[in-house]
Amino acid sequence: MGFGRVRLRVAAVATAAFAAWAAPSSADWQPAVDLSPVGTPVGVPCETGRPSVAASRDGSFLVAWQRKLDARGNDNTLVEARRIDRDGTAGPLLQLTDAPANVGTVTSGVGPDGSGIVLWHQQPPGLCGEVPGPILLWARRVGSDGALGPVTQGGDPSDKALVAAVGLHRSGDATVAWVDQIGFEQSVLKVRTLPAAGPPGPVLSLTPTAGQAEGAPVVVVDQRDRALVLWESTGSSRPSGSPPPGIRWVASSTSPRAARPTPKSTPASPPTGRRAWCGTTSSPRRSRS
């Protein structure tokens, strides 16, 4: 990598047999290969080149990244991806964005059959870091054969989508969660389903009041095809009788077919500290951390 020029590289553990319990040595790793053409780390967006990877049960991987074409303009970044087969062979380069723009912060997810989805954020032209306007959330599917689906709106057009996460169901449906900043120190956690076929589902808010979602959400799908969304809550801007300010981890578990019931009430004076919440229980549960 020379000054002002960068490309994404990958190295994989070789398939040569070795003890399952032994840590791989340098001899077990395949030589690194270039995944992306050369780009530049200079200029907007601030995190050009940061990759995201997801692994499928079939042994394949989906890797995505953002690549700034040159340092002369602010709105000339592409979102690209490649599939990596289970034998380590990298597939063809896939361009996910139709045209260069101020895009970044990619997130990839993959299903058990090797098909996946990539999310990315688009900021207003020419801005980086703190932005006043909407930050759009986009999504595009990548088939197990590398075929691309259409670009889909992940969130509401008016959202300031800061961070996002995605989980894939066996059906191919995707559960997408993101933090939407609606004001100063006021954010909400939103979620929607992107079906494998058909229009996107409705946007739902999992936080009852503003100021209760911080950090990056996490989405996982279990063997029963339920999605679990985890996010961090500060407790600011809270209604009367709600938990006091502090950092809490909050979880909401849903079914892809119907939402699970959420707690209707909380204790009047719960203890402070980090707390774990679950949408399938009737009361919050103190964590040991």
Foldseek 3Di string as FASTA:
>chain_A
DDAFKDFDKDKDFAPPDDDPPDDDDPVRIDDIDTDGDIAGCAAAANDFFDKEKEAALQQKMKMKGKGAHHRPFHFFIWIWIWIADNNRRIHDIGTQDPGTGRKGDKYKEAYNVQKIKIKIWGDPGPDYDDDDFAIWIWMWIAGNVRDIDHIAGQDDPRFNWDAKYWYAFNQRKIKIWTWGAPDDLWIWIWIWIDGPDDHTGDIDTPDPGTNFFDDHKYWYADPVRKIKIKTWTQCPPHDQQDEDGDIEIEIEIQHPVGGAAAAPHEHSYDDDDYWYYYRNDNYTDRDPD
